[in-house]
Amino acid sequence: MTLILLVAAGAAVAGFVQGLSGFAFGLVAMAFWVWVLPPQLAAPMVVFGSLVGQLIGLKSAWSGFRLGRALPFIAGGVIGVPIGIALLGHIDATWFRFAVGALLVIYCPLMLFASRLPRIAVGGRAADGLVGAVGGVMGGLGGLSGPAPTLWCTLRGWAKHEQRAVFQSFNLSMHVLTFAGYAASGTLTAETGAMFLVMVPAMIVPTLVGARLYAAIDDASFRKLVLVLLTISGLTLLSAAVPALLA
């Protein structure tokens, strides 16, 4: 019973945060699930929950969606995911999480408290595609496809609808690709299917509520929300990596 309650609670809270921000399902859900679920079970649950949440909240990002803007990120991500998977056996996962976590914890608070966020206007679609590839590699290595394009969209200075449309369509594409990989590799089992049946009913209403509240947030508040969530993501990665490195 404790397992079911924690899975449902994690899905509900994570669904709300994802509905509000457009990302961070795994970050929030794992705060609940890490205590009761092995990584082999939690990983497909995070991907599936994120995928469902992205589909539920898709309407919130639709007004800012422009295929020409999102496509370079997605194309880069499709290229990057297999590279990340190929590198998986050659890079220490703990050091990888530590490096990404340290970068987020140092950089995002600086941007959060800066009087004006820097704007990056150079590079065009090629730079966007490169960032998408970085996100894909990070996703293949450790399921971290979101931080790079999310931070990049913030630094581009786009309006909140444009930001959300890009990183939500990117994350949706990466989740579909990853989930297909899980299905092909036999990672999905009867146990994961049972957990999916617990997650989905628990997250539907909170995700819709979060998406409704998103409409009331202005651009500046949305950027702050994104930077806060990325900082928390970095702290979460460090909290997992540092004890392992010290041991």
Protein backbone atom coordinates (compact mmCIF):
# COMPACT_ATOMS: atom_id res chain seq x y z
CA MET A 1 0.00 0.00 0.00
CA THR A 2 2.88 2.39 0.80
CA LEU A 3 4.35 1.74 -2.64
CA ILE A 4 1.07 2.54 -4.40
CA LEU A 5 0.56 5.73 -2.37
CA LEU A 6 4.08 7.00 -3.06
CA VAL A 7 3.82 6.23 -6.77
CA ALA A 8 0.46 8.01 -6.98
CA ALA A 9 1.64 10.98 -4.88
CA GLY A 10 4.80 11.37 -6.96
CA ALA A 11 2.83 11.24 -10.20
CA ALA A 12 0.29 13.80 -8.93
CA VAL A 13 2.83 16.37 -7.70
CA ALA A 14 5.09 15.86 -10.72
CA GLY A 15 2.11 16.18 -13.05
CA PHE A 16 1.17 19.50 -11.48
CA VAL A 17 4.72 20.89 -11.83
CA GLN A 18 4.99 19.70 -15.42
CA GLY A 19 1.60 21.20 -16.27
CA LEU A 20 2.78 24.52 -14.82
CA SER A 21 6.30 24.60 -16.29
CA GLY A 22 6.26 22.22 -19.26
CA PHE A 23 9.05 20.01 -17.85
CA ALA A 24 10.54 18.60 -14.60
CA PHE A 25 8.27 15.54 -14.22
CA GLY A 26 11.19 13.22 -13.53
CA LEU A 27 12.87 15.65 -11.13
CA VAL A 28 9.78 15.84 -8.92
CA ALA A 29 8.60 12.25 -9.25
CA MET A 30 11.97 10.78 -8.31
CA ALA A 31 11.91 12.69 -5.01
CA PHE A 32 9.07 10.30 -4.09
CA TRP A 33 9.99 7.19 -6.04
CA VAL A 34 13.69 6.90 -5.27
CA TRP A 35 12.83 5.50 -1.82
CA VAL A 36 10.73 2.58 -3.03
CA LEU A 37 11.60 1.81 -6.66
CA PRO A 38 14.74 0.37 -8.31
CA PRO A 39 16.20 2.44 -11.18
CA GLN A 40 15.26 -0.23 -13.73
CA LEU A 41 11.59 0.32 -12.87
CA ALA A 42 11.70 4.05 -12.14
CA ALA A 43 13.36 5.03 -15.45
CA PRO A 44 10.56 3.84 -17.77
CA MET A 45 7.99 5.24 -15.33
CA VAL A 46 9.61 8.69 -15.53
CA VAL A 47 9.68 8.58 -19.33
CA PHE A 48 6.07 7.38 -19.57
CA GLY A 49 4.80 9.90 -17.00
CA SER A 50 6.66 12.71 -18.73
CA LEU A 51 5.23 11.62 -22.07
CA VAL A 52 1.66 11.52 -20.75
CA GLY A 53 2.11 14.90 -19.05
CA GLN A 54 3.49 16.45 -22.23
CA LEU A 55 0.49 15.17 -24.20
CA ILE A 56 -2.00 16.45 -21.60
CA GLY A 57 -0.36 19.88 -21.47
CA LEU A 58 0.26 20.16 -25.19
CA LYS A 59 -2.57 22.66 -25.66
CA SER A 60 -0.81 25.11 -23.31
CA ALA A 61 2.19 25.30 -25.64
CA TRP A 62 0.32 25.16 -28.93
CA SER A 63 -0.14 28.92 -29.32
CA GLY A 64 3.64 29.43 -29.42
CA PHE A 65 4.50 26.43 -31.58
CA ARG A 66 6.48 27.12 -34.75
CA LEU A 67 7.80 24.07 -36.59
CA GLY A 68 10.73 26.01 -38.02
CA ARG A 69 11.88 27.02 -34.54
CA ALA A 70 11.44 23.62 -32.90
CA LEU A 71 12.73 21.43 -35.72
CA PRO A 72 16.48 22.18 -35.32
CA PHE A 73 16.30 21.16 -31.64
CA ILE A 74 14.41 17.95 -32.45
CA ALA A 75 16.73 17.04 -35.34
CA GLY A 76 19.77 17.60 -33.14
CA GLY A 77 18.23 15.52 -30.37
CA VAL A 78 17.49 12.61 -32.71
CA ILE A 79 21.17 12.61 -33.69
CA GLY A 80 22.39 13.05 -30.13
CA VAL A 81 20.42 10.27 -28.39
CA PRO A 82 22.20 7.35 -30.13
CA ILE A 83 25.55 9.03 -29.49
CA GLY A 84 24.73 9.30 -25.80
CA ILE A 85 23.69 5.66 -25.68
CA ALA A 86 26.93 4.65 -27.43
CA LEU A 87 28.97 6.66 -24.91
CA LEU A 88 27.09 5.19 -21.97
CA GLY A 89 29.58 2.36 -21.48
CA HIS A 90 32.60 4.66 -21.65
CA ILE A 91 31.66 7.54 -19.33
CA ASP A 92 31.22 7.26 -15.58
CA ALA A 93 27.55 8.09 -14.88
CA THR A 94 28.26 9.46 -11.40
CA TRP A 95 30.83 11.98 -12.63
CA PHE A 96 28.49 12.92 -15.46
CA ARG A 97 25.66 13.70 -13.01
CA PHE A 98 28.08 15.62 -10.78
CA ALA A 99 29.33 17.78 -13.66
CA VAL A 100 25.83 18.59 -14.94
CA GLY A 101 24.53 19.24 -11.42
CA ALA A 102 27.44 21.56 -10.57
CA LEU A 103 26.93 23.53 -13.78
CA LEU A 104 23.22 24.03 -13.08
CA VAL A 105 23.75 24.93 -9.41
CA ILE A 106 26.40 27.55 -10.23
CA TYR A 107 24.97 29.05 -13.41
CA CYS A 108 21.20 29.13 -12.87
CA PRO A 109 21.22 31.06 -9.55
CA LEU A 110 23.54 33.63 -11.13
CA MET A 111 21.01 34.10 -13.92
CA LEU A 112 18.13 34.10 -11.42
CA PHE A 113 19.53 36.99 -9.40
CA ALA A 114 20.96 38.96 -12.30
CA SER A 115 19.12 42.22 -12.86
CA ARG A 116 18.81 41.37 -16.55
CA LEU A 117 19.26 37.98 -18.14
CA PRO A 118 21.82 37.87 -20.96
CA ARG A 119 20.34 37.43 -24.40
CA ILE A 120 21.92 35.10 -26.96
CA ALA A 121 20.98 36.11 -30.48
CA VAL A 122 23.84 34.55 -32.44
CA GLY A 123 24.13 31.17 -34.10
CA GLY A 124 20.65 30.86 -35.53
CA ARG A 125 19.23 27.44 -36.27
CA ALA A 126 22.67 25.80 -36.34
CA ALA A 127 23.24 26.75 -32.69
CA ASP A 128 19.72 25.59 -31.80
CA GLY A 129 20.41 22.25 -33.47
CA LEU A 130 23.71 21.91 -31.59
CA VAL A 131 21.94 22.53 -28.28
CA GLY A 132 19.34 19.93 -29.25
CA ALA A 133 22.16 17.47 -29.97
CA VAL A 134 23.69 18.19 -26.54
CA GLY A 135 20.28 17.52 -24.98
CA GLY A 136 20.01 14.28 -26.94
CA VAL A 137 23.46 13.10 -25.85
CA MET A 138 22.65 13.96 -22.22
CA GLY A 139 19.37 12.11 -22.56
CA GLY A 140 21.08 9.02 -23.95
CA LEU A 141 23.72 9.14 -21.21
CA GLY A 142 21.52 9.78 -18.21
CA GLY A 143 17.96 10.71 -19.09
CA LEU A 144 18.78 14.42 -18.86
CA SER A 145 17.54 15.67 -22.23
CA GLY A 146 15.70 18.68 -20.80
CA PRO A 147 18.18 21.04 -19.05
CA ALA A 148 20.23 22.12 -22.10
CA PRO A 149 17.37 23.20 -24.43
CA THR A 150 15.35 24.62 -21.52
CA LEU A 151 18.20 26.87 -20.38
CA TRP A 152 19.03 27.81 -23.98
CA CYS A 153 15.45 28.89 -24.70
CA THR A 154 15.53 31.08 -21.59
CA LEU A 155 18.76 32.75 -22.71
CA ARG A 156 17.32 33.30 -26.17
CA GLY A 157 14.86 35.68 -24.51
CA TRP A 158 11.82 34.25 -26.27
CA ALA A 159 8.33 34.81 -24.87
CA LYS A 160 7.10 32.12 -22.48
CA HIS A 161 4.77 30.54 -25.07
CA GLU A 162 7.64 30.27 -27.56
CA GLN A 163 10.01 28.84 -24.95
CA ARG A 164 7.52 26.28 -23.76
CA ALA A 165 6.54 25.26 -27.28
CA VAL A 166 10.18 24.53 -28.15
CA PHE A 167 11.31 22.60 -25.10
CA GLN A 168 7.97 20.82 -24.69
CA SER A 169 7.98 19.60 -28.32
CA PHE A 170 11.66 18.65 -27.92
CA ASN A 171 11.06 16.72 -24.71
CA LEU A 172 7.99 15.04 -26.20
CA SER A 173 10.05 13.86 -29.18
CA MET A 174 12.88 12.60 -26.97
CA HIS A 175 10.44 10.76 -24.69
CA VAL A 176 8.80 9.04 -27.67
CA LEU A 177 12.23 8.00 -28.97
CA THR A 178 13.37 6.75 -25.55
CA PHE A 179 10.12 4.92 -24.86
CA ALA A 180 10.34 3.19 -28.24
CA GLY A 181 13.86 2.12 -27.29
CA TYR A 182 12.61 0.70 -24.01
CA ALA A 183 9.89 -1.21 -25.82
CA ALA A 184 12.34 -2.61 -28.37
CA SER A 185 14.85 -3.66 -25.71
CA GLY A 186 12.33 -5.48 -23.53
CA THR A 187 12.66 -3.03 -20.63
CA LEU A 188 8.89 -2.71 -20.32
CA THR A 189 7.44 -5.49 -18.16
CA ALA A 190 4.14 -6.42 -16.56
CA GLU A 191 5.32 -4.61 -13.40
CA THR A 192 5.95 -1.35 -15.26
CA GLY A 193 2.52 -1.73 -16.89
CA ALA A 194 0.92 -2.04 -13.45
CA MET A 195 2.72 1.10 -12.27
CA PHE A 196 1.54 2.97 -15.38
CA LEU A 197 -2.04 2.16 -14.36
CA VAL A 198 -1.40 3.75 -10.95
CA MET A 199 0.35 6.83 -12.34
CA VAL A 200 -1.97 7.99 -15.10
CA PRO A 201 -5.21 8.45 -13.09
CA ALA A 202 -3.25 10.21 -10.33
CA MET A 203 -1.62 12.77 -12.61
CA ILE A 204 -4.40 13.78 -15.02
CA VAL A 205 -6.22 16.36 -12.87
CA PRO A 206 -3.06 17.91 -11.29
CA THR A 207 -1.50 18.29 -14.75
CA LEU A 208 -4.59 20.06 -16.05
CA VAL A 209 -4.64 22.35 -12.99
CA GLY A 210 -0.96 23.21 -13.50
CA ALA A 211 -1.57 23.94 -17.18
CA ARG A 212 -4.45 26.25 -16.26
CA LEU A 213 -2.27 28.18 -13.77
CA TYR A 214 0.45 28.51 -16.43
CA ALA A 215 -1.83 30.83 -18.39
CA ALA A 216 -1.77 33.32 -15.51
CA ILE A 217 2.05 33.59 -15.31
CA ASP A 218 3.81 36.47 -17.08
CA ASP A 219 7.05 36.06 -19.05
CA ALA A 220 9.37 37.25 -16.27
CA SER A 221 7.80 34.95 -13.68
CA PHE A 222 8.00 32.02 -16.08
CA ARG A 223 11.73 32.57 -16.64
CA LYS A 224 12.29 32.66 -12.88
CA LEU A 225 10.27 29.47 -12.45
CA VAL A 226 12.38 27.71 -15.10
CA LEU A 227 15.66 28.81 -13.48
CA VAL A 228 14.48 27.75 -10.01
CA LEU A 229 13.47 24.31 -11.28
CA LEU A 230 16.79 23.90 -13.11
CA THR A 231 18.64 24.85 -9.91
CA ILE A 232 16.67 22.26 -7.94
CA SER A 233 17.45 19.74 -10.67
CA GLY A 234 21.16 20.48 -10.22
CA LEU A 235 20.92 20.06 -6.44
CA THR A 236 19.13 16.75 -6.92
CA LEU A 237 21.87 15.49 -9.23
CA LEU A 238 24.57 16.58 -6.76
CA SER A 239 22.78 14.94 -3.83
CA ALA A 240 22.88 11.65 -5.73
CA ALA A 241 26.42 11.98 -7.11
CA VAL A 242 28.43 13.37 -4.18
CA PRO A 243 27.80 10.50 -1.71
CA ALA A 244 28.70 7.97 -4.40
CA LEU A 245 31.93 9.84 -5.23
CA LEU A 246 32.89 10.10 -1.56
CA ALA A 247 32.24 6.40 -1.07
